[in-house]
Amino acid sequence: RKQSSAMAWGGGDGDESGMTDDSFAESFVSKLEKVNETQQSINTLSNWLRFHHKRSRQAADIWAAEALAAPPSRHLLFIYLLNDVLQTARRRSPELCDNFALRTLEVLPEIVKRAPANVGEKVNRIINIWEERLVLPKADIATLRQ
């Protein structure tokens, strides 16, 4: 299944890294499958996404699809990755941040709906941080709190 979902994001030419859309998708899906809850693992994947910032729309689409398809036990990982991307990409890769932010309003409420209560509490803490640090617009924060 993962192989076919990665191929669904394909098409197009390579970029300066030599990756095609298909190879980027396959690589990103593989990395999402391997990421764990350690800060190092999440930072490493977030840094990789910043390096491939020109593929930010494709990355955000893959992240959203994989997050929604993931078992509840992995939902928090996708949220932690999102948090790292949103907070660290704002200055250097705003297009990466923007594309992930667009998918946040769709994905986060759906994940929280399916997640255990403790995940909802952790997500609320992250939303509070985003509000304090102005990571997302106030209207988006209000939408996420509903």
N, C-alpha and C. Protein backbone atom coordinates (compact mmCIF):
# COMPACT_ATOMS: atom_id res chain seq x y z
N ARG A 1 0.80 -1.18 0.00
CA ARG A 1 0.00 0.00 0.00
C ARG A 1 0.85 1.26 0.00
N LYS A 2 1.88 1.30 0.80
CA LYS A 2 2.72 2.49 0.88
C LYS A 2 3.38 2.79 -0.46
N GLN A 3 3.81 1.75 -1.14
CA GLN A 3 4.45 1.95 -2.44
C GLN A 3 3.48 2.63 -3.40
N SER A 4 2.23 2.16 -3.43
CA SER A 4 1.28 2.74 -4.36
C SER A 4 0.89 4.16 -3.95
N SER A 5 0.82 4.43 -2.63
CA SER A 5 0.48 5.80 -2.22
C SER A 5 1.62 6.75 -2.58
N ALA A 6 2.84 6.29 -2.48
CA ALA A 6 3.97 7.14 -2.86
C ALA A 6 3.92 7.44 -4.35
N MET A 7 3.57 6.45 -5.14
CA MET A 7 3.50 6.66 -6.58
C MET A 7 2.37 7.61 -6.97
N ALA A 8 1.35 7.70 -6.13
CA ALA A 8 0.24 8.60 -6.43
C ALA A 8 0.68 10.07 -6.44
N TRP A 9 1.80 10.37 -5.81
CA TRP A 9 2.28 11.75 -5.73
C TRP A 9 3.28 12.05 -6.84
N GLY A 10 3.42 11.15 -7.79
CA GLY A 10 4.49 11.23 -8.78
C GLY A 10 4.24 12.20 -9.90
N GLY A 11 5.11 12.08 -10.90
CA GLY A 11 5.06 12.95 -12.07
C GLY A 11 6.11 14.03 -11.97
N GLY A 12 6.37 14.68 -13.06
CA GLY A 12 7.27 15.83 -13.04
C GLY A 12 8.73 15.46 -13.14
N ASP A 13 9.55 16.48 -13.22
CA ASP A 13 10.99 16.31 -13.38
C ASP A 13 11.69 16.32 -12.04
N GLY A 14 12.98 16.06 -12.09
CA GLY A 14 13.80 16.11 -10.89
C GLY A 14 14.10 17.55 -10.49
N ASP A 15 14.72 17.69 -9.33
CA ASP A 15 15.13 19.01 -8.88
C ASP A 15 16.64 19.02 -8.70
N GLU A 16 17.15 20.06 -8.03
CA GLU A 16 18.59 20.18 -7.87
C GLU A 16 19.19 19.03 -7.07
N SER A 17 18.37 18.34 -6.27
CA SER A 17 18.87 17.20 -5.51
C SER A 17 18.92 15.94 -6.36
N GLY A 18 18.40 16.01 -7.59
CA GLY A 18 18.38 14.86 -8.46
C GLY A 18 17.18 13.95 -8.24
N MET A 19 16.30 14.33 -7.33
CA MET A 19 15.13 13.51 -7.03
C MET A 19 13.99 13.85 -7.99
N THR A 20 13.30 12.83 -8.43
CA THR A 20 12.07 13.04 -9.18
C THR A 20 10.93 13.12 -8.16
N ASP A 21 9.75 13.50 -8.62
CA ASP A 21 8.59 13.52 -7.73
C ASP A 21 8.34 12.15 -7.13
N ASP A 22 8.46 11.11 -7.96
CA ASP A 22 8.24 9.75 -7.47
C ASP A 22 9.26 9.37 -6.40
N SER A 23 10.54 9.65 -6.66
CA SER A 23 11.56 9.25 -5.69
C SER A 23 11.44 10.08 -4.41
N PHE A 24 11.06 11.34 -4.54
CA PHE A 24 10.82 12.16 -3.35
C PHE A 24 9.69 11.57 -2.53
N ALA A 25 8.59 11.24 -3.19
CA ALA A 25 7.43 10.69 -2.49
C ALA A 25 7.79 9.38 -1.79
N GLU A 26 8.46 8.51 -2.50
CA GLU A 26 8.85 7.23 -1.90
C GLU A 26 9.76 7.45 -0.70
N SER A 27 10.70 8.35 -0.84
CA SER A 27 11.64 8.62 0.24
C SER A 27 10.92 9.23 1.44
N PHE A 28 10.04 10.18 1.21
CA PHE A 28 9.32 10.83 2.31
C PHE A 28 8.41 9.83 3.02
N VAL A 29 7.67 9.03 2.27
CA VAL A 29 6.79 8.03 2.89
C VAL A 29 7.63 7.07 3.74
N SER A 30 8.76 6.64 3.21
CA SER A 30 9.65 5.74 3.96
C SER A 30 10.13 6.40 5.25
N LYS A 31 10.50 7.66 5.17
CA LYS A 31 10.96 8.38 6.35
C LYS A 31 9.83 8.55 7.37
N LEU A 32 8.61 8.79 6.89
CA LEU A 32 7.46 8.89 7.80
C LEU A 32 7.20 7.57 8.52
N GLU A 33 7.42 6.48 7.82
CA GLU A 33 7.22 5.16 8.44
C GLU A 33 8.26 4.90 9.52
N LYS A 34 9.45 5.47 9.37
CA LYS A 34 10.57 5.19 10.29
C LYS A 34 10.71 6.20 11.41
N VAL A 35 10.08 7.38 11.29
CA VAL A 35 10.25 8.41 12.31
C VAL A 35 9.72 7.90 13.65
N ASN A 36 10.42 8.31 14.73
CA ASN A 36 9.94 7.94 16.07
C ASN A 36 9.78 9.21 16.90
N GLU A 37 9.37 9.05 18.16
CA GLU A 37 9.02 10.21 18.98
C GLU A 37 10.20 10.95 19.57
N THR A 38 11.42 10.55 19.26
CA THR A 38 12.56 11.29 19.80
C THR A 38 12.69 12.63 19.08
N GLN A 39 13.16 13.60 19.82
CA GLN A 39 13.36 14.93 19.23
C GLN A 39 14.33 14.86 18.06
N GLN A 40 15.35 14.04 18.18
CA GLN A 40 16.35 13.91 17.11
C GLN A 40 15.70 13.38 15.83
N SER A 41 14.87 12.38 15.95
CA SER A 41 14.22 11.79 14.78
C SER A 41 13.31 12.81 14.09
N ILE A 42 12.54 13.52 14.88
CA ILE A 42 11.62 14.52 14.34
C ILE A 42 12.40 15.68 13.72
N ASN A 43 13.44 16.16 14.40
CA ASN A 43 14.26 17.25 13.85
C ASN A 43 14.94 16.85 12.56
N THR A 44 15.42 15.61 12.50
CA THR A 44 16.10 15.14 11.29
C THR A 44 15.16 15.16 10.10
N LEU A 45 13.93 14.68 10.30
CA LEU A 45 12.97 14.68 9.20
C LEU A 45 12.54 16.09 8.84
N SER A 46 12.36 16.94 9.82
CA SER A 46 12.01 18.34 9.58
C SER A 46 13.12 19.04 8.79
N ASN A 47 14.37 18.79 9.15
CA ASN A 47 15.50 19.37 8.42
C ASN A 47 15.53 18.87 6.98
N TRP A 48 15.24 17.59 6.78
CA TRP A 48 15.19 17.02 5.44
C TRP A 48 14.11 17.72 4.61
N LEU A 49 12.97 17.99 5.23
CA LEU A 49 11.89 18.70 4.53
C LEU A 49 12.31 20.12 4.17
N ARG A 50 13.01 20.79 5.07
CA ARG A 50 13.49 22.15 4.76
C ARG A 50 14.48 22.12 3.62
N PHE A 51 15.33 21.10 3.57
CA PHE A 51 16.27 20.97 2.46
C PHE A 51 15.52 20.82 1.14
N HIS A 52 14.40 20.11 1.16
CA HIS A 52 13.59 19.88 -0.04
C HIS A 52 12.40 20.84 -0.09
N HIS A 53 12.60 22.06 0.39
CA HIS A 53 11.50 23.03 0.49
C HIS A 53 10.81 23.32 -0.84
N LYS A 54 11.50 23.13 -1.94
CA LYS A 54 10.86 23.39 -3.24
C LYS A 54 9.75 22.38 -3.52
N ARG A 55 9.72 21.31 -2.77
CA ARG A 55 8.67 20.30 -2.91
C ARG A 55 7.67 20.41 -1.75
N SER A 56 7.54 21.59 -1.20
CA SER A 56 6.72 21.76 0.01
C SER A 56 5.25 21.41 -0.20
N ARG A 57 4.70 21.74 -1.34
CA ARG A 57 3.29 21.39 -1.56
C ARG A 57 3.13 19.87 -1.61
N GLN A 58 3.99 19.21 -2.34
CA GLN A 58 3.95 17.75 -2.43
C GLN A 58 4.17 17.14 -1.04
N ALA A 59 5.12 17.67 -0.29
CA ALA A 59 5.41 17.15 1.06
C ALA A 59 4.20 17.31 1.97
N ALA A 60 3.56 18.47 1.93
CA ALA A 60 2.40 18.71 2.78
C ALA A 60 1.24 17.78 2.40
N ASP A 61 1.05 17.56 1.12
CA ASP A 61 -0.01 16.65 0.66
C ASP A 61 0.26 15.22 1.12
N ILE A 62 1.51 14.80 1.02
CA ILE A 62 1.87 13.45 1.46
C ILE A 62 1.71 13.34 2.98
N TRP A 63 2.20 14.35 3.70
CA TRP A 63 2.08 14.35 5.16
C TRP A 63 0.60 14.22 5.56
N ALA A 64 -0.26 15.00 4.93
CA ALA A 64 -1.68 14.98 5.28
C ALA A 64 -2.30 13.61 5.01
N ALA A 65 -2.03 13.06 3.84
CA ALA A 65 -2.61 11.75 3.49
C ALA A 65 -2.10 10.66 4.42
N GLU A 66 -0.81 10.68 4.69
CA GLU A 66 -0.23 9.64 5.55
C GLU A 66 -0.68 9.81 7.00
N ALA A 67 -0.83 11.05 7.46
CA ALA A 67 -1.30 11.30 8.82
C ALA A 67 -2.72 10.77 9.00
N LEU A 68 -3.57 11.04 8.02
CA LEU A 68 -4.96 10.59 8.11
C LEU A 68 -5.09 9.07 7.99
N ALA A 69 -4.14 8.45 7.30
CA ALA A 69 -4.18 6.99 7.13
C ALA A 69 -3.46 6.25 8.27
N ALA A 70 -2.71 6.96 9.06
CA ALA A 70 -1.91 6.33 10.11
C ALA A 70 -2.80 5.80 11.23
N PRO A 71 -2.33 4.76 11.90
CA PRO A 71 -3.06 4.27 13.07
C PRO A 71 -2.99 5.31 14.19
N PRO A 72 -3.98 5.36 15.07
CA PRO A 72 -3.97 6.35 16.15
C PRO A 72 -2.69 6.36 16.98
N SER A 73 -2.02 5.23 17.09
CA SER A 73 -0.78 5.17 17.87
C SER A 73 0.33 6.02 17.26
N ARG A 74 0.22 6.41 15.99
CA ARG A 74 1.25 7.21 15.33
C ARG A 74 0.81 8.65 15.07
N HIS A 75 -0.40 8.99 15.42
CA HIS A 75 -0.90 10.34 15.14
C HIS A 75 -0.05 11.42 15.78
N LEU A 76 0.37 11.18 17.01
CA LEU A 76 1.16 12.20 17.71
C LEU A 76 2.47 12.49 16.99
N LEU A 77 3.07 11.48 16.39
CA LEU A 77 4.30 11.68 15.62
C LEU A 77 4.09 12.68 14.48
N PHE A 78 2.98 12.54 13.78
CA PHE A 78 2.67 13.44 12.67
C PHE A 78 2.45 14.86 13.19
N ILE A 79 1.85 14.98 14.36
CA ILE A 79 1.62 16.30 14.94
C ILE A 79 2.94 16.92 15.40
N TYR A 80 3.80 16.12 16.01
CA TYR A 80 5.11 16.62 16.43
C TYR A 80 5.94 17.07 15.23
N LEU A 81 5.87 16.31 14.14
CA LEU A 81 6.59 16.72 12.93
C LEU A 81 6.01 18.04 12.40
N LEU A 82 4.70 18.13 12.35
CA LEU A 82 4.05 19.37 11.92
C LEU A 82 4.51 20.54 12.77
N ASN A 83 4.51 20.36 14.07
CA ASN A 83 4.92 21.41 14.99
C ASN A 83 6.35 21.86 14.69
N ASP A 84 7.25 20.92 14.50
CA ASP A 84 8.64 21.26 14.22
C ASP A 84 8.76 22.01 12.89
N VAL A 85 8.05 21.54 11.88
CA VAL A 85 8.10 22.21 10.57
C VAL A 85 7.55 23.64 10.70
N LEU A 86 6.40 23.79 11.33
CA LEU A 86 5.79 25.12 11.42
C LEU A 86 6.67 26.10 12.20
N GLN A 87 7.31 25.62 13.25
CA GLN A 87 8.09 26.54 14.08
C GLN A 87 9.48 26.81 13.54
N THR A 88 10.07 25.85 12.84
CA THR A 88 11.45 26.06 12.39
C THR A 88 11.55 26.56 10.95
N ALA A 89 10.50 26.39 10.17
CA ALA A 89 10.57 26.77 8.76
C ALA A 89 10.09 28.20 8.50
N ARG A 90 9.57 28.86 9.50
CA ARG A 90 8.96 30.18 9.28
C ARG A 90 9.89 31.19 8.63
N ARG A 91 11.14 31.21 9.06
CA ARG A 91 12.07 32.22 8.54
C ARG A 91 12.79 31.78 7.27
N ARG A 92 13.26 30.54 7.26
CA ARG A 92 14.10 30.10 6.15
C ARG A 92 13.32 29.50 4.99
N SER A 93 12.19 28.89 5.28
CA SER A 93 11.40 28.22 4.23
C SER A 93 9.92 28.52 4.42
N PRO A 94 9.53 29.79 4.24
CA PRO A 94 8.13 30.15 4.51
C PRO A 94 7.14 29.37 3.66
N GLU A 95 7.53 28.99 2.43
CA GLU A 95 6.59 28.24 1.58
C GLU A 95 6.32 26.85 2.17
N LEU A 96 7.30 26.26 2.83
CA LEU A 96 7.10 24.97 3.50
C LEU A 96 6.11 25.15 4.64
N CYS A 97 6.32 26.16 5.43
CA CYS A 97 5.43 26.46 6.54
C CYS A 97 4.01 26.73 6.03
N ASP A 98 3.89 27.53 4.99
CA ASP A 98 2.57 27.87 4.44
C ASP A 98 1.82 26.64 3.94
N ASN A 99 2.52 25.77 3.22
CA ASN A 99 1.85 24.58 2.68
C ASN A 99 1.42 23.62 3.78
N PHE A 100 2.25 23.46 4.80
CA PHE A 100 1.85 22.60 5.92
C PHE A 100 0.72 23.25 6.72
N ALA A 101 0.77 24.56 6.89
CA ALA A 101 -0.29 25.25 7.62
C ALA A 101 -1.64 25.08 6.93
N LEU A 102 -1.64 25.12 5.60
CA LEU A 102 -2.90 24.93 4.86
C LEU A 102 -3.52 23.57 5.17
N ARG A 103 -2.71 22.55 5.30
CA ARG A 103 -3.21 21.20 5.54
C ARG A 103 -3.57 20.97 7.01
N THR A 104 -3.04 21.81 7.90
CA THR A 104 -3.27 21.66 9.34
C THR A 104 -4.75 21.72 9.68
N LEU A 105 -5.46 22.67 9.10
CA LEU A 105 -6.88 22.85 9.43
C LEU A 105 -7.71 21.64 9.03
N GLU A 106 -7.27 20.93 8.03
CA GLU A 106 -7.97 19.73 7.58
C GLU A 106 -7.59 18.51 8.43
N VAL A 107 -6.33 18.37 8.71
CA VAL A 107 -5.81 17.14 9.31
C VAL A 107 -5.95 17.11 10.84
N LEU A 108 -5.58 18.19 11.50
CA LEU A 108 -5.53 18.18 12.96
C LEU A 108 -6.87 17.83 13.61
N PRO A 109 -7.98 18.46 13.23
CA PRO A 109 -9.25 18.09 13.86
C PRO A 109 -9.62 16.62 13.64
N GLU A 110 -9.31 16.11 12.48
CA GLU A 110 -9.63 14.71 12.17
C GLU A 110 -8.81 13.76 13.04
N ILE A 111 -7.54 14.07 13.21
CA ILE A 111 -6.68 13.24 14.05
C ILE A 111 -7.17 13.27 15.51
N VAL A 112 -7.46 14.46 16.00
CA VAL A 112 -7.89 14.60 17.39
C VAL A 112 -9.20 13.84 17.63
N LYS A 113 -10.07 13.86 16.64
CA LYS A 113 -11.35 13.15 16.75
C LYS A 113 -11.14 11.66 17.00
N ARG A 114 -10.15 11.09 16.35
CA ARG A 114 -9.90 9.65 16.41
C ARG A 114 -8.93 9.24 17.52
N ALA A 115 -8.28 10.21 18.13
CA ALA A 115 -7.19 9.92 19.06
C ALA A 115 -7.69 9.74 20.49
N PRO A 116 -6.90 9.07 21.31
CA PRO A 116 -7.21 8.98 22.74
C PRO A 116 -7.16 10.37 23.38
N ALA A 117 -7.79 10.50 24.54
CA ALA A 117 -7.90 11.80 25.21
C ALA A 117 -6.55 12.45 25.46
N ASN A 118 -5.54 11.65 25.83
CA ASN A 118 -4.23 12.25 26.14
C ASN A 118 -3.61 12.92 24.91
N VAL A 119 -3.92 12.45 23.71
CA VAL A 119 -3.42 13.10 22.49
C VAL A 119 -4.09 14.46 22.33
N GLY A 120 -5.38 14.53 22.58
CA GLY A 120 -6.10 15.80 22.49
C GLY A 120 -5.52 16.84 23.43
N GLU A 121 -5.14 16.42 24.63
CA GLU A 121 -4.53 17.33 25.60
C GLU A 121 -3.18 17.85 25.09
N LYS A 122 -2.39 16.97 24.51
CA LYS A 122 -1.08 17.36 23.98
C LYS A 122 -1.24 18.31 22.79
N VAL A 123 -2.23 18.05 21.95
CA VAL A 123 -2.50 18.92 20.81
C VAL A 123 -2.92 20.30 21.29
N ASN A 124 -3.75 20.35 22.33
CA ASN A 124 -4.15 21.66 22.87
C ASN A 124 -2.96 22.45 23.39
N ARG A 125 -2.00 21.75 24.00
CA ARG A 125 -0.78 22.43 24.45
C ARG A 125 -0.01 23.00 23.27
N ILE A 126 0.08 22.23 22.19
CA ILE A 126 0.79 22.69 21.00
C ILE A 126 0.07 23.90 20.39
N ILE A 127 -1.25 23.84 20.33
CA ILE A 127 -2.02 24.97 19.79
C ILE A 127 -1.79 26.22 20.64
N ASN A 128 -1.73 26.06 21.96
CA ASN A 128 -1.43 27.20 22.84
C ASN A 128 -0.08 27.81 22.52
N ILE A 129 0.91 26.96 22.26
CA ILE A 129 2.25 27.44 21.91
C ILE A 129 2.20 28.19 20.58
N TRP A 130 1.48 27.62 19.60
CA TRP A 130 1.35 28.29 18.30
C TRP A 130 0.72 29.66 18.46
N GLU A 131 -0.27 29.75 19.34
CA GLU A 131 -0.93 31.04 19.56
C GLU A 131 0.04 32.03 20.20
N GLU A 132 0.77 31.60 21.23
CA GLU A 132 1.72 32.48 21.92
C GLU A 132 2.82 32.96 20.99
N ARG A 133 3.29 32.07 20.12
CA ARG A 133 4.42 32.39 19.24
C ARG A 133 3.97 32.91 17.87
N LEU A 134 2.68 33.08 17.69
CA LEU A 134 2.12 33.59 16.44
C LEU A 134 2.52 32.72 15.24
N VAL A 135 2.49 31.41 15.43
CA VAL A 135 2.87 30.48 14.37
C VAL A 135 1.80 30.43 13.29
N LEU A 136 0.54 30.48 13.71
CA LEU A 136 -0.59 30.48 12.78
C LEU A 136 -1.44 31.72 13.04
N PRO A 137 -2.18 32.17 12.03
CA PRO A 137 -3.07 33.31 12.24
C PRO A 137 -4.13 33.01 13.32
N LYS A 138 -4.60 34.05 13.99
CA LYS A 138 -5.59 33.89 15.07
C LYS A 138 -6.84 33.17 14.59
N ALA A 139 -7.27 33.45 13.37
CA ALA A 139 -8.46 32.79 12.84
C ALA A 139 -8.26 31.27 12.73
N ASP A 140 -7.07 30.87 12.33
CA ASP A 140 -6.76 29.43 12.22
C ASP A 140 -6.72 28.79 13.61
N ILE A 141 -6.15 29.49 14.57
CA ILE A 141 -6.11 28.98 15.95
C ILE A 141 -7.54 28.79 16.45
N ALA A 142 -8.40 29.78 16.21
CA ALA A 142 -9.80 29.69 16.64
C ALA A 142 -10.50 28.50 16.00
N THR A 143 -10.23 28.27 14.72
CA THR A 143 -10.82 27.13 14.01
C THR A 143 -10.34 25.83 14.62
N LEU A 144 -9.08 25.72 14.94
CA LEU A 144 -8.52 24.50 15.51
C LEU A 144 -9.08 24.21 16.90
N ARG A 145 -9.48 25.25 17.63
CA ARG A 145 -10.01 25.05 18.99
C ARG A 145 -11.46 24.59 19.00
N GLN A 146 -12.13 24.68 17.87
CA GLN A 146 -13.55 24.29 17.82
C GLN A 146 -13.72 22.80 17.91
